[in-house]
Amino acid sequence: MDIFKGIDFNDSFVLGWSSNTTEITFKIEASIWPDSPHYLNPKPDEYTCYRKCEIQFTGFTSYSGLVEQSSVKPNNDIDGSFDYGNIDSLIETNQGFKVVGEFGNLEIINGKVQLKIYT
């Protein structure tokens, strides 16, 4: 999908997620590469550009397979921060979207996806 061009999900980290009847939101620390319009020069201690963002799904008719965040044990990183692993895959399907990671095997029927980069 064009909105994720230059974002490496295998090197990005899920910081949390939430859902309700109208919206599913993933908070991510995204690994962003130069072919993305969201790329900035990496900080001195960074491998590439990392930026916090949200991936938001809205307008869907239904979804299944999303695990409650409270039932997933976070990874404790060396710097003391926590994350919930990576997004193993995020694809657009004929029916909507499929998103796989430690948060479950999420299937979203219909809807749209947005990427919001934090400033």
PDB file of N, CA and C in Angstrom:
ATOM      1  N   MET A   1       0.839  -1.180   0.000  1.00  0.00           N
ATOM      2  CA  MET A   1       0.000   0.000   0.000  1.00  0.00           C
ATOM      3  C   MET A   1       0.883   1.241   0.000  1.00  0.00           C
ATOM      4  N   ASP A   2       0.532   2.192  -0.815  1.00  0.00           N
ATOM      5  CA  ASP A   2       1.341   3.398  -0.978  1.00  0.00           C
ATOM      6  C   ASP A   2       1.577   4.160   0.322  1.00  0.00           C
ATOM      7  N   ILE A   3       0.594   4.187   1.232  1.00  0.00           N
ATOM      8  CA  ILE A   3       0.782   4.980   2.453  1.00  0.00           C
ATOM      9  C   ILE A   3       1.882   4.413   3.346  1.00  0.00           C
ATOM     10  N   PHE A   4       2.250   3.152   3.135  1.00  0.00           N
ATOM     11  CA  PHE A   4       3.301   2.531   3.935  1.00  0.00           C
ATOM     12  C   PHE A   4       4.612   2.395   3.190  1.00  0.00           C
ATOM     13  N   LYS A   5       4.738   3.059   2.052  1.00  0.00           N
ATOM     14  CA  LYS A   5       5.980   3.006   1.275  1.00  0.00           C
ATOM     15  C   LYS A   5       7.135   3.526   2.137  1.00  0.00           C
ATOM     16  N   GLY A   6       8.205   2.738   2.196  1.00  0.00           N
ATOM     17  CA  GLY A   6       9.387   3.139   2.948  1.00  0.00           C
ATOM     18  C   GLY A   6       9.303   2.844   4.434  1.00  0.00           C
ATOM     19  N   ILE A   7       8.266   2.148   4.887  1.00  0.00           N
ATOM     20  CA  ILE A   7       8.163   1.776   6.295  1.00  0.00           C
ATOM     21  C   ILE A   7       8.435   0.282   6.410  1.00  0.00           C
ATOM     22  N   ASP A   8       9.414  -0.064   7.222  1.00  0.00           N
ATOM     23  CA  ASP A   8       9.800  -1.455   7.432  1.00  0.00           C
ATOM     24  C   ASP A   8       9.121  -1.964   8.700  1.00  0.00           C
ATOM     25  N   PHE A   9       8.019  -2.714   8.537  1.00  0.00           N
ATOM     26  CA  PHE A   9       7.281  -3.222   9.696  1.00  0.00           C
ATOM     27  C   PHE A   9       8.072  -4.246  10.488  1.00  0.00           C
ATOM     28  N   ASN A  10       9.006  -4.953   9.851  1.00  0.00           N
ATOM     29  CA  ASN A  10       9.808  -5.933  10.577  1.00  0.00           C
ATOM     30  C   ASN A  10      10.784  -5.275  11.543  1.00  0.00           C
ATOM     31  N   ASP A  11      11.075  -4.001  11.340  1.00  0.00           N
ATOM     32  CA  ASP A  11      11.977  -3.241  12.203  1.00  0.00           C
ATOM     33  C   ASP A  11      11.211  -2.185  13.001  1.00  0.00           C
ATOM     34  N   SER A  12       9.887  -2.217  12.944  1.00  0.00           N
ATOM     35  CA  SER A  12       9.036  -1.289  13.696  1.00  0.00           C
ATOM     36  C   SER A  12       8.495  -2.003  14.922  1.00  0.00           C
ATOM     37  N   PHE A  13       8.038  -1.243  15.901  1.00  0.00           N
ATOM     38  CA  PHE A  13       7.599  -1.837  17.157  1.00  0.00           C
ATOM     39  C   PHE A  13       6.189  -1.371  17.510  1.00  0.00           C
ATOM     40  N   VAL A  14       5.354  -2.335  17.892  1.00  0.00           N
ATOM     41  CA  VAL A  14       3.992  -2.043  18.327  1.00  0.00           C
ATOM     42  C   VAL A  14       4.067  -1.605  19.786  1.00  0.00           C
ATOM     43  N   LEU A  15       3.609  -0.387  20.069  1.00  0.00           N
ATOM     44  CA  LEU A  15       3.637   0.155  21.425  1.00  0.00           C
ATOM     45  C   LEU A  15       2.324  -0.070  22.160  1.00  0.00           C
ATOM     46  N   GLY A  16       1.266  -0.355  21.412  1.00  0.00           N
ATOM     47  CA  GLY A  16      -0.034  -0.617  22.018  1.00  0.00           C
ATOM     48  C   GLY A  16      -1.124  -0.568  20.969  1.00  0.00           C
ATOM     49  N   TRP A  17      -2.332  -0.951  21.357  1.00  0.00           N
ATOM     50  CA  TRP A  17      -3.465  -0.912  20.439  1.00  0.00           C
ATOM     51  C   TRP A  17      -4.761  -0.801  21.223  1.00  0.00           C
ATOM     52  N   SER A  18      -5.778  -0.333  20.534  1.00  0.00           N
ATOM     53  CA  SER A  18      -7.104  -0.225  21.123  1.00  0.00           C
ATOM     54  C   SER A  18      -8.132  -0.421  20.023  1.00  0.00           C
ATOM     55  N   SER A  19      -9.348  -0.779  20.425  1.00  0.00           N
ATOM     56  CA  SER A  19     -10.407  -0.979  19.442  1.00  0.00           C
ATOM     57  C   SER A  19     -11.757  -0.678  20.066  1.00  0.00           C
ATOM     58  N   ASN A  20     -12.688  -0.294  19.212  1.00  0.00           N
ATOM     59  CA  ASN A  20     -14.084  -0.164  19.586  1.00  0.00           C
ATOM     60  C   ASN A  20     -14.907  -0.464  18.344  1.00  0.00           C
ATOM     61  N   THR A  21     -16.167  -0.163  18.350  1.00  0.00           N
ATOM     62  CA  THR A  21     -17.023  -0.542  17.220  1.00  0.00           C
ATOM     63  C   THR A  21     -16.758   0.274  15.962  1.00  0.00           C
ATOM     64  N   THR A  22     -16.042   1.398  16.069  1.00  0.00           N
ATOM     65  CA  THR A  22     -15.822   2.250  14.898  1.00  0.00           C
ATOM     66  C   THR A  22     -14.360   2.424  14.499  1.00  0.00           C
ATOM     67  N   GLU A  23     -13.433   1.983  15.350  1.00  0.00           N
ATOM     68  CA  GLU A  23     -12.026   2.293  15.099  1.00  0.00           C
ATOM     69  C   GLU A  23     -11.101   1.266  15.757  1.00  0.00           C
ATOM     70  N   ILE A  24     -10.024   0.922  15.040  1.00  0.00           N
ATOM     71  CA  ILE A  24      -8.932   0.125  15.590  1.00  0.00           C
ATOM     72  C   ILE A  24      -7.671   0.952  15.392  1.00  0.00           C
ATOM     73  N   THR A  25      -6.917   1.163  16.465  1.00  0.00           N
ATOM     74  CA  THR A  25      -5.724   1.995  16.391  1.00  0.00           C
ATOM     75  C   THR A  25      -4.521   1.239  16.951  1.00  0.00           C
ATOM     76  N   PHE A  26      -3.436   1.235  16.178  1.00  0.00           N
ATOM     77  CA  PHE A  26      -2.155   0.699  16.629  1.00  0.00           C
ATOM     78  C   PHE A  26      -1.204   1.865  16.815  1.00  0.00           C
ATOM     79  N   LYS A  27      -0.554   1.923  17.975  1.00  0.00           N
ATOM     80  CA  LYS A  27       0.514   2.895  18.200  1.00  0.00           C
ATOM     81  C   LYS A  27       1.819   2.182  17.877  1.00  0.00           C
ATOM     82  N   ILE A  28       2.611   2.817  17.022  1.00  0.00           N
ATOM     83  CA  ILE A  28       3.806   2.174  16.464  1.00  0.00           C
ATOM     84  C   ILE A  28       5.012   3.109  16.578  1.00  0.00           C
ATOM     85  N   GLU A  29       6.172   2.530  16.807  1.00  0.00           N
ATOM     86  CA  GLU A  29       7.421   3.249  16.562  1.00  0.00           C
ATOM     87  C   GLU A  29       7.922   2.696  15.241  1.00  0.00           C
ATOM     88  N   ALA A  30       7.740   3.476  14.187  1.00  0.00           N
ATOM     89  CA  ALA A  30       7.970   2.999  12.821  1.00  0.00           C
ATOM     90  C   ALA A  30       9.414   3.217  12.381  1.00  0.00           C
ATOM     91  N   SER A  31       9.940   2.215  11.716  1.00  0.00           N
ATOM     92  CA  SER A  31      11.246   2.281  11.059  1.00  0.00           C
ATOM     93  C   SER A  31      11.005   2.829   9.651  1.00  0.00           C
ATOM     94  N   ILE A  32      11.480   4.041   9.425  1.00  0.00           N
ATOM     95  CA  ILE A  32      11.172   4.749   8.172  1.00  0.00           C
ATOM     96  C   ILE A  32      12.453   4.939   7.373  1.00  0.00           C
ATOM     97  N   TRP A  33      12.364   4.635   6.072  1.00  0.00           N
ATOM     98  CA  TRP A  33      13.505   4.671   5.169  1.00  0.00           C
ATOM     99  C   TRP A  33      13.363   5.806   4.161  1.00  0.00           C
ATOM    100  N   PRO A  34      14.467   6.182   3.479  1.00  0.00           N
ATOM    101  CA  PRO A  34      14.466   7.375   2.615  1.00  0.00           C
ATOM    102  C   PRO A  34      13.396   7.418   1.522  1.00  0.00           C
ATOM    103  N   ASP A  35      12.847   6.297   1.090  1.00  0.00           N
ATOM    104  CA  ASP A  35      11.826   6.376   0.040  1.00  0.00           C
ATOM    105  C   ASP A  35      10.436   6.715   0.593  1.00  0.00           C
ATOM    106  N   SER A  36      10.341   6.976   1.891  1.00  0.00           N
ATOM    107  CA  SER A  36       9.081   7.412   2.498  1.00  0.00           C
ATOM    108  C   SER A  36       9.045   8.931   2.576  1.00  0.00           C
ATOM    109  N   PRO A  37       7.885   9.535   2.328  1.00  0.00           N
ATOM    110  CA  PRO A  37       7.777  10.993   2.497  1.00  0.00           C
ATOM    111  C   PRO A  37       7.889  11.425   3.964  1.00  0.00           C
ATOM    112  N   HIS A  38       7.835  10.463   4.895  1.00  0.00           N
ATOM    113  CA  HIS A  38       7.910  10.771   6.331  1.00  0.00           C
ATOM    114  C   HIS A  38       9.319  10.634   6.892  1.00  0.00           C
ATOM    115  N   TYR A  39      10.278  10.332   6.010  1.00  0.00           N
ATOM    116  CA  TYR A  39      11.661  10.107   6.435  1.00  0.00           C
ATOM    117  C   TYR A  39      12.305  11.414   6.895  1.00  0.00           C
ATOM    118  N   LEU A  40      13.016  11.333   8.003  1.00  0.00           N
ATOM    119  CA  LEU A  40      13.885  12.414   8.483  1.00  0.00           C
ATOM    120  C   LEU A  40      15.264  11.809   8.705  1.00  0.00           C
ATOM    121  N   ASN A  41      16.294  12.629   8.719  1.00  0.00           N
ATOM    122  CA  ASN A  41      17.627  12.108   9.002  1.00  0.00           C
ATOM    123  C   ASN A  41      17.628  11.442  10.372  1.00  0.00           C
ATOM    124  N   PRO A  42      18.233  10.256  10.474  1.00  0.00           N
ATOM    125  CA  PRO A  42      18.245   9.554  11.760  1.00  0.00           C
ATOM    126  C   PRO A  42      18.995  10.345  12.822  1.00  0.00           C
ATOM    127  N   LYS A  43      18.579  10.150  14.071  1.00  0.00           N
ATOM    128  CA  LYS A  43      19.308  10.731  15.200  1.00  0.00           C
ATOM    129  C   LYS A  43      20.651  10.010  15.292  1.00  0.00           C
ATOM    130  N   PRO A  44      21.643  10.604  15.949  1.00  0.00           N
ATOM    131  CA  PRO A  44      22.980   9.988  15.991  1.00  0.00           C
ATOM    132  C   PRO A  44      22.993   8.541  16.488  1.00  0.00           C
ATOM    133  N   ASP A  45      22.096   8.176  17.397  1.00  0.00           N
ATOM    134  CA  ASP A  45      22.095   6.817  17.943  1.00  0.00           C
ATOM    135  C   ASP A  45      21.114   5.876  17.239  1.00  0.00           C
ATOM    136  N   GLU A  46      20.571   6.306  16.091  1.00  0.00           N
ATOM    137  CA  GLU A  46      19.580   5.506  15.379  1.00  0.00           C
ATOM    138  C   GLU A  46      20.170   4.845  14.129  1.00  0.00           C
ATOM    139  N   TYR A  47      19.677   3.657  13.862  1.00  0.00           N
ATOM    140  CA  TYR A  47      20.043   2.880  12.678  1.00  0.00           C
ATOM    141  C   TYR A  47      19.417   3.505  11.428  1.00  0.00           C
ATOM    142  N   THR A  48      18.175   3.910  11.565  1.00  0.00           N
ATOM    143  CA  THR A  48      17.440   4.639  10.527  1.00  0.00           C
ATOM    144  C   THR A  48      16.513   5.607  11.239  1.00  0.00           C
ATOM    145  N   CYS A  49      15.650   6.240  10.514  1.00  0.00           N
ATOM    146  CA  CYS A  49      14.687   7.156  11.110  1.00  0.00           C
ATOM    147  C   CYS A  49      13.599   6.358  11.827  1.00  0.00           C
ATOM    148  N   TYR A  50      13.381   6.650  13.080  1.00  0.00           N
ATOM    149  CA  TYR A  50      12.275   6.059  13.841  1.00  0.00           C
ATOM    150  C   TYR A  50      11.340   7.179  14.269  1.00  0.00           C
ATOM    151  N   ARG A  51      10.043   6.984  13.976  1.00  0.00           N
ATOM    152  CA  ARG A  51       9.051   7.981  14.360  1.00  0.00           C
ATOM    153  C   ARG A  51       7.832   7.285  14.929  1.00  0.00           C
ATOM    154  N   LYS A  52       7.265   7.891  15.944  1.00  0.00           N
ATOM    155  CA  LYS A  52       6.033   7.348  16.513  1.00  0.00           C
ATOM    156  C   LYS A  52       4.863   7.733  15.613  1.00  0.00           C
ATOM    157  N   CYS A  53       3.940   6.802  15.475  1.00  0.00           N
ATOM    158  CA  CYS A  53       2.796   7.044  14.605  1.00  0.00           C
ATOM    159  C   CYS A  53       1.617   6.181  15.049  1.00  0.00           C
ATOM    160  N   GLU A  54       0.509   6.383  14.376  1.00  0.00           N
ATOM    161  CA  GLU A  54      -0.667   5.551  14.576  1.00  0.00           C
ATOM    162  C   GLU A  54      -1.112   5.003  13.229  1.00  0.00           C
ATOM    163  N   ILE A  55      -1.509   3.755  13.238  1.00  0.00           N
ATOM    164  CA  ILE A  55      -2.176   3.147  12.091  1.00  0.00           C
ATOM    165  C   ILE A  55      -3.616   2.962  12.534  1.00  0.00           C
ATOM    166  N   GLN A  56      -4.516   3.577  11.808  1.00  0.00           N
ATOM    167  CA  GLN A  56      -5.913   3.621  12.224  1.00  0.00           C
ATOM    168  C   GLN A  56      -6.819   3.033  11.145  1.00  0.00           C
ATOM    169  N   PHE A  57      -7.641   2.093  11.551  1.00  0.00           N
ATOM    170  CA  PHE A  57      -8.634   1.492  10.665  1.00  0.00           C
ATOM    171  C   PHE A  57     -10.010   2.017  11.071  1.00  0.00           C
ATOM    172  N   THR A  58     -10.777   2.510  10.101  1.00  0.00           N
ATOM    173  CA  THR A  58     -12.114   3.034  10.360  1.00  0.00           C
ATOM    174  C   THR A  58     -13.059   2.595   9.245  1.00  0.00           C
ATOM    175  N   GLY A  59     -14.345   2.775   9.480  1.00  0.00           N
ATOM    176  CA  GLY A  59     -15.340   2.509   8.447  1.00  0.00           C
ATOM    177  C   GLY A  59     -15.531   1.048   8.112  1.00  0.00           C
ATOM    178  N   PHE A  60     -15.060   0.150   8.972  1.00  0.00           N
ATOM    179  CA  PHE A  60     -15.191  -1.276   8.697  1.00  0.00           C
ATOM    180  C   PHE A  60     -16.583  -1.771   9.100  1.00  0.00           C
ATOM    181  N   THR A  61     -16.970  -2.904   8.527  1.00  0.00           N
ATOM    182  CA  THR A  61     -18.249  -3.497   8.903  1.00  0.00           C
ATOM    183  C   THR A  61     -18.084  -4.505  10.039  1.00  0.00           C
ATOM    184  N   SER A  62     -16.923  -5.139  10.128  1.00  0.00           N
ATOM    185  CA  SER A  62     -16.643  -6.057  11.239  1.00  0.00           C
ATOM    186  C   SER A  62     -15.147  -6.350  11.287  1.00  0.00           C
ATOM    187  N   TYR A  63     -14.726  -6.944  12.406  1.00  0.00           N
ATOM    188  CA  TYR A  63     -13.350  -7.419  12.519  1.00  0.00           C
ATOM    189  C   TYR A  63     -13.320  -8.600  13.481  1.00  0.00           C
ATOM    190  N   SER A  64     -12.263  -9.401  13.381  1.00  0.00           N
ATOM    191  CA  SER A  64     -12.089 -10.532  14.284  1.00  0.00           C
ATOM    192  C   SER A  64     -10.602 -10.821  14.430  1.00  0.00           C
ATOM    193  N   GLY A  65     -10.261 -11.514  15.516  1.00  0.00           N
ATOM    194  CA  GLY A  65      -8.892 -11.982  15.711  1.00  0.00           C
ATOM    195  C   GLY A  65      -7.981 -11.042  16.465  1.00  0.00           C
ATOM    196  N   LEU A  66      -8.481  -9.920  16.971  1.00  0.00           N
ATOM    197  CA  LEU A  66      -7.641  -8.983  17.719  1.00  0.00           C
ATOM    198  C   LEU A  66      -7.670  -9.375  19.193  1.00  0.00           C
ATOM    199  N   VAL A  67      -6.498  -9.624  19.767  1.00  0.00           N
ATOM    200  CA  VAL A  67      -6.370  -9.997  21.174  1.00  0.00           C
ATOM    201  C   VAL A  67      -6.398  -8.717  22.018  1.00  0.00           C
ATOM    202  N   GLU A  68      -7.020  -8.792  23.188  1.00  0.00           N
ATOM    203  CA  GLU A  68      -6.999  -7.654  24.111  1.00  0.00           C
ATOM    204  C   GLU A  68      -5.556  -7.385  24.543  1.00  0.00           C
ATOM    205  N   GLN A  69      -5.162  -6.121  24.552  1.00  0.00           N
ATOM    206  CA  GLN A  69      -3.784  -5.777  24.912  1.00  0.00           C
ATOM    207  C   GLN A  69      -3.431  -6.270  26.310  1.00  0.00           C
ATOM    208  N   SER A  70      -4.378  -6.233  27.234  1.00  0.00           N
ATOM    209  CA  SER A  70      -4.110  -6.653  28.612  1.00  0.00           C
ATOM    210  C   SER A  70      -3.765  -8.142  28.727  1.00  0.00           C
ATOM    211  N   SER A  71      -4.069  -8.934  27.702  1.00  0.00           N
ATOM    212  CA  SER A  71      -3.764 -10.361  27.771  1.00  0.00           C
ATOM    213  C   SER A  71      -2.473 -10.736  27.025  1.00  0.00           C
ATOM    214  N   VAL A  72      -1.734  -9.743  26.528  1.00  0.00           N
ATOM    215  CA  VAL A  72      -0.463  -9.988  25.840  1.00  0.00           C
ATOM    216  C   VAL A  72       0.660  -9.426  26.697  1.00  0.00           C
ATOM    217  N   LYS A  73       1.657 -10.257  26.972  1.00  0.00           N
ATOM    218  CA  LYS A  73       2.798  -9.808  27.781  1.00  0.00           C
ATOM    219  C   LYS A  73       3.750  -8.993  26.908  1.00  0.00           C
ATOM    220  N   PRO A  74       4.051  -7.758  27.325  1.00  0.00           N
ATOM    221  CA  PRO A  74       4.975  -6.945  26.525  1.00  0.00           C
ATOM    222  C   PRO A  74       6.422  -7.404  26.673  1.00  0.00           C
ATOM    223  N   ASN A  75       7.223  -7.052  25.671  1.00  0.00           N
ATOM    224  CA  ASN A  75       8.668  -7.274  25.727  1.00  0.00           C
ATOM    225  C   ASN A  75       9.288  -6.117  26.486  1.00  0.00           C
ATOM    226  N   ASN A  76      10.200  -6.416  27.394  1.00  0.00           N
ATOM    227  CA  ASN A  76      10.914  -5.388  28.142  1.00  0.00           C
ATOM    228  C   ASN A  76      12.252  -5.163  27.452  1.00  0.00           C
ATOM    229  N   ASP A  77      12.441  -3.970  26.881  1.00  0.00           N
ATOM    230  CA  ASP A  77      13.666  -3.671  26.144  1.00  0.00           C
ATOM    231  C   ASP A  77      14.793  -3.259  27.080  1.00  0.00           C
ATOM    232  N   ILE A  78      16.014  -3.306  26.573  1.00  0.00           N
ATOM    233  CA  ILE A  78      17.204  -2.969  27.354  1.00  0.00           C
ATOM    234  C   ILE A  78      17.122  -1.565  27.960  1.00  0.00           C
ATOM    235  N   ASP A  79      16.525  -0.626  27.224  1.00  0.00           N
ATOM    236  CA  ASP A  79      16.436   0.757  27.716  1.00  0.00           C
ATOM    237  C   ASP A  79      15.286   0.956  28.710  1.00  0.00           C
ATOM    238  N   GLY A  80      14.590  -0.122  29.072  1.00  0.00           N
ATOM    239  CA  GLY A  80      13.503  -0.030  30.034  1.00  0.00           C
ATOM    240  C   GLY A  80      12.130   0.194  29.418  1.00  0.00           C
ATOM    241  N   SER A  81      12.079   0.404  28.114  1.00  0.00           N
ATOM    242  CA  SER A  81      10.791   0.608  27.454  1.00  0.00           C
ATOM    243  C   SER A  81      10.141  -0.750  27.156  1.00  0.00           C
ATOM    244  N   PHE A  82       8.864  -0.695  26.820  1.00  0.00           N
ATOM    245  CA  PHE A  82       8.111  -1.901  26.513  1.00  0.00           C
ATOM    246  C   PHE A  82       7.550  -1.823  25.104  1.00  0.00           C
ATOM    247  N   ASP A  83       7.419  -2.977  24.465  1.00  0.00           N
ATOM    248  CA  ASP A  83       6.726  -3.038  23.174  1.00  0.00           C
ATOM    249  C   ASP A  83       6.102  -4.412  23.033  1.00  0.00           C
ATOM    250  N   TYR A  84       5.288  -4.543  22.008  1.00  0.00           N
ATOM    251  CA  TYR A  84       4.568  -5.792  21.752  1.00  0.00           C
ATOM    252  C   TYR A  84       5.020  -6.412  20.430  1.00  0.00           C
ATOM    253  N   GLY A  85       6.302  -6.369  20.168  1.00  0.00           N
ATOM    254  CA  GLY A  85       6.841  -6.985  18.966  1.00  0.00           C
ATOM    255  C   GLY A  85       6.570  -6.168  17.718  1.00  0.00           C
ATOM    256  N   ASN A  86       6.587  -6.854  16.594  1.00  0.00           N
ATOM    257  CA  ASN A  86       6.462  -6.216  15.288  1.00  0.00           C
ATOM    258  C   ASN A  86       5.118  -6.523  14.656  1.00  0.00           C
ATOM    259  N   ILE A  87       4.850  -5.841  13.572  1.00  0.00           N
ATOM    260  CA  ILE A  87       3.755  -6.239  12.691  1.00  0.00           C
ATOM    261  C   ILE A  87       4.378  -7.219  11.711  1.00  0.00           C
ATOM    262  N   ASP A  88       3.960  -8.471  11.780  1.00  0.00           N
ATOM    263  CA  ASP A  88       4.524  -9.488  10.896  1.00  0.00           C
ATOM    264  C   ASP A  88       4.050  -9.292   9.461  1.00  0.00           C
ATOM    265  N   SER A  89       2.800  -8.885   9.298  1.00  0.00           N
ATOM    266  CA  SER A  89       2.302  -8.553   7.963  1.00  0.00           C
ATOM    267  C   SER A  89       1.094  -7.633   8.083  1.00  0.00           C
ATOM    268  N   LEU A  90       0.953  -6.779   7.099  1.00  0.00           N
ATOM    269  CA  LEU A  90      -0.207  -5.900   6.970  1.00  0.00           C
ATOM    270  C   LEU A  90      -0.498  -5.840   5.477  1.00  0.00           C
ATOM    271  N   ILE A  91      -1.599  -6.480   5.076  1.00  0.00           N
ATOM    272  CA  ILE A  91      -1.928  -6.529   3.657  1.00  0.00           C
ATOM    273  C   ILE A  91      -3.373  -6.116   3.430  1.00  0.00           C
ATOM    274  N   GLU A  92      -3.598  -5.581   2.265  1.00  0.00           N
ATOM    275  CA  GLU A  92      -4.954  -5.287   1.835  1.00  0.00           C
ATOM    276  C   GLU A  92      -5.471  -6.519   1.103  1.00  0.00           C
ATOM    277  N   THR A  93      -6.673  -6.953   1.469  1.00  0.00           N
ATOM    278  CA  THR A  93      -7.275  -8.124   0.845  1.00  0.00           C
ATOM    279  C   THR A  93      -8.485  -7.678   0.015  1.00  0.00           C
ATOM    280  N   ASN A  94      -9.093  -8.616  -0.687  1.00  0.00           N
ATOM    281  CA  ASN A  94     -10.301  -8.302  -1.450  1.00  0.00           C
ATOM    282  C   ASN A  94     -11.443  -7.859  -0.542  1.00  0.00           C
ATOM    283  N   GLN A  95     -11.422  -8.318   0.707  1.00  0.00           N
ATOM    284  CA  GLN A  95     -12.505  -8.013   1.641  1.00  0.00           C
ATOM    285  C   GLN A  95     -12.176  -6.887   2.610  1.00  0.00           C
ATOM    286  N   GLY A  96     -10.921  -6.483   2.715  1.00  0.00           N
ATOM    287  CA  GLY A  96     -10.526  -5.458   3.674  1.00  0.00           C
ATOM    288  C   GLY A  96      -9.039  -5.508   3.944  1.00  0.00           C
ATOM    289  N   PHE A  97      -8.665  -5.899   5.179  1.00  0.00           N
ATOM    290  CA  PHE A  97      -7.264  -5.914   5.592  1.00  0.00           C
ATOM    291  C   PHE A  97      -6.997  -7.115   6.483  1.00  0.00           C
ATOM    292  N   LYS A  98      -5.744  -7.537   6.468  1.00  0.00           N
ATOM    293  CA  LYS A  98      -5.279  -8.582   7.377  1.00  0.00           C
ATOM    294  C   LYS A  98      -4.002  -8.069   8.024  1.00  0.00           C
ATOM    295  N   VAL A  99      -3.963  -8.115   9.365  1.00  0.00           N
ATOM    296  CA  VAL A  99      -2.823  -7.613  10.124  1.00  0.00           C
ATOM    297  C   VAL A  99      -2.439  -8.704  11.128  1.00  0.00           C
ATOM    298  N   VAL A 100      -1.167  -9.116  11.099  1.00  0.00           N
ATOM    299  CA  VAL A 100      -0.721 -10.221  11.936  1.00  0.00           C
ATOM    300  C   VAL A 100       0.457  -9.769  12.800  1.00  0.00           C
ATOM    301  N   GLY A 101       0.413 -10.161  14.072  1.00  0.00           N
ATOM    302  CA  GLY A 101       1.489  -9.880  15.021  1.00  0.00           C
ATOM    303  C   GLY A 101       1.159 -10.517  16.350  1.00  0.00           C
ATOM    304  N   GLU A 102       1.892 -10.135  17.403  1.00  0.00           N
ATOM    305  CA  GLU A 102       1.631 -10.677  18.736  1.00  0.00           C
ATOM    306  C   GLU A 102       0.248 -10.289  19.248  1.00  0.00           C
ATOM    307  N   PHE A 103      -0.369  -9.307  18.623  1.00  0.00           N
ATOM    308  CA  PHE A 103      -1.706  -8.841  18.986  1.00  0.00           C
ATOM    309  C   PHE A 103      -2.802  -9.702  18.383  1.00  0.00           C
ATOM    310  N   GLY A 104      -2.416 -10.690  17.585  1.00  0.00           N
ATOM    311  CA  GLY A 104      -3.389 -11.602  17.004  1.00  0.00           C
ATOM    312  C   GLY A 104      -3.286 -11.690  15.499  1.00  0.00           C
ATOM    313  N   ASN A 105      -4.295 -12.311  14.927  1.00  0.00           N
ATOM    314  CA  ASN A 105      -4.408 -12.481  13.482  1.00  0.00           C
ATOM    315  C   ASN A 105      -5.676 -11.725  13.080  1.00  0.00           C
ATOM    316  N   LEU A 106      -5.534 -10.427  12.946  1.00  0.00           N
ATOM    317  CA  LEU A 106      -6.657  -9.514  12.770  1.00  0.00           C
ATOM    318  C   LEU A 106      -7.145  -9.512  11.326  1.00  0.00           C
ATOM    319  N   GLU A 107      -8.435  -9.738  11.168  1.00  0.00           N
ATOM    320  CA  GLU A 107      -9.075  -9.611   9.855  1.00  0.00           C
ATOM    321  C   GLU A 107     -10.129  -8.526   9.954  1.00  0.00           C
ATOM    322  N   ILE A 108     -10.027  -7.551   9.052  1.00  0.00           N
ATOM    323  CA  ILE A 108     -10.940  -6.407   9.027  1.00  0.00           C
ATOM    324  C   ILE A 108     -11.727  -6.477   7.729  1.00  0.00           C
ATOM    325  N   ILE A 109     -13.036  -6.417   7.842  1.00  0.00           N
ATOM    326  CA  ILE A 109     -13.898  -6.464   6.667  1.00  0.00           C
ATOM    327  C   ILE A 109     -14.275  -5.033   6.286  1.00  0.00           C
ATOM    328  N   ASN A 110     -13.953  -4.680   5.054  1.00  0.00           N
ATOM    329  CA  ASN A 110     -14.191  -3.336   4.497  1.00  0.00           C
ATOM    330  C   ASN A 110     -13.376  -2.293   5.251  1.00  0.00           C
ATOM    331  N   GLY A 111     -13.730  -1.036   5.111  1.00  0.00           N
ATOM    332  CA  GLY A 111     -13.074   0.039   5.839  1.00  0.00           C
ATOM    333  C   GLY A 111     -11.913   0.663   5.097  1.00  0.00           C
ATOM    334  N   LYS A 112     -11.242   1.552   5.814  1.00  0.00           N
ATOM    335  CA  LYS A 112     -10.073   2.239   5.261  1.00  0.00           C
ATOM    336  C   LYS A 112      -8.998   2.315   6.335  1.00  0.00           C
ATOM    337  N   VAL A 113      -7.782   2.593   5.892  1.00  0.00           N
ATOM    338  CA  VAL A 113      -6.648   2.687   6.803  1.00  0.00           C
ATOM    339  C   VAL A 113      -5.978   4.043   6.610  1.00  0.00           C
ATOM    340  N   GLN A 114      -5.522   4.610   7.724  1.00  0.00           N
ATOM    341  CA  GLN A 114      -4.788   5.885   7.695  1.00  0.00           C
ATOM    342  C   GLN A 114      -3.511   5.736   8.511  1.00  0.00           C
ATOM    343  N   LEU A 115      -2.503   6.484   8.119  1.00  0.00           N
ATOM    344  CA  LEU A 115      -1.256   6.568   8.857  1.00  0.00           C
ATOM    345  C   LEU A 115      -1.134   7.987   9.382  1.00  0.00           C
ATOM    346  N   LYS A 116      -0.965   8.128  10.691  1.00  0.00           N
ATOM    347  CA  LYS A 116      -0.792   9.443  11.304  1.00  0.00           C
ATOM    348  C   LYS A 116       0.564   9.470  11.964  1.00  0.00           C
ATOM    349  N   ILE A 117       1.447  10.312  11.460  1.00  0.00           N
ATOM    350  CA  ILE A 117       2.791  10.463  12.021  1.00  0.00           C
ATOM    351  C   ILE A 117       2.747  11.544  13.090  1.00  0.00           C
ATOM    352  N   TYR A 118       3.318  11.265  14.265  1.00  0.00           N
ATOM    353  CA  TYR A 118       3.401  12.272  15.320  1.00  0.00           C
ATOM    354  C   TYR A 118       4.511  13.242  14.981  1.00  0.00           C
ATOM    355  N   THR A 119       4.307  14.481  15.305  1.00  0.00           N
ATOM    356  CA  THR A 119       5.339  15.496  15.024  1.00  0.00           C
ATOM    357  C   THR A 119       6.366  15.555  16.116  1.00  0.00           C
TER     358      THR A 119
END
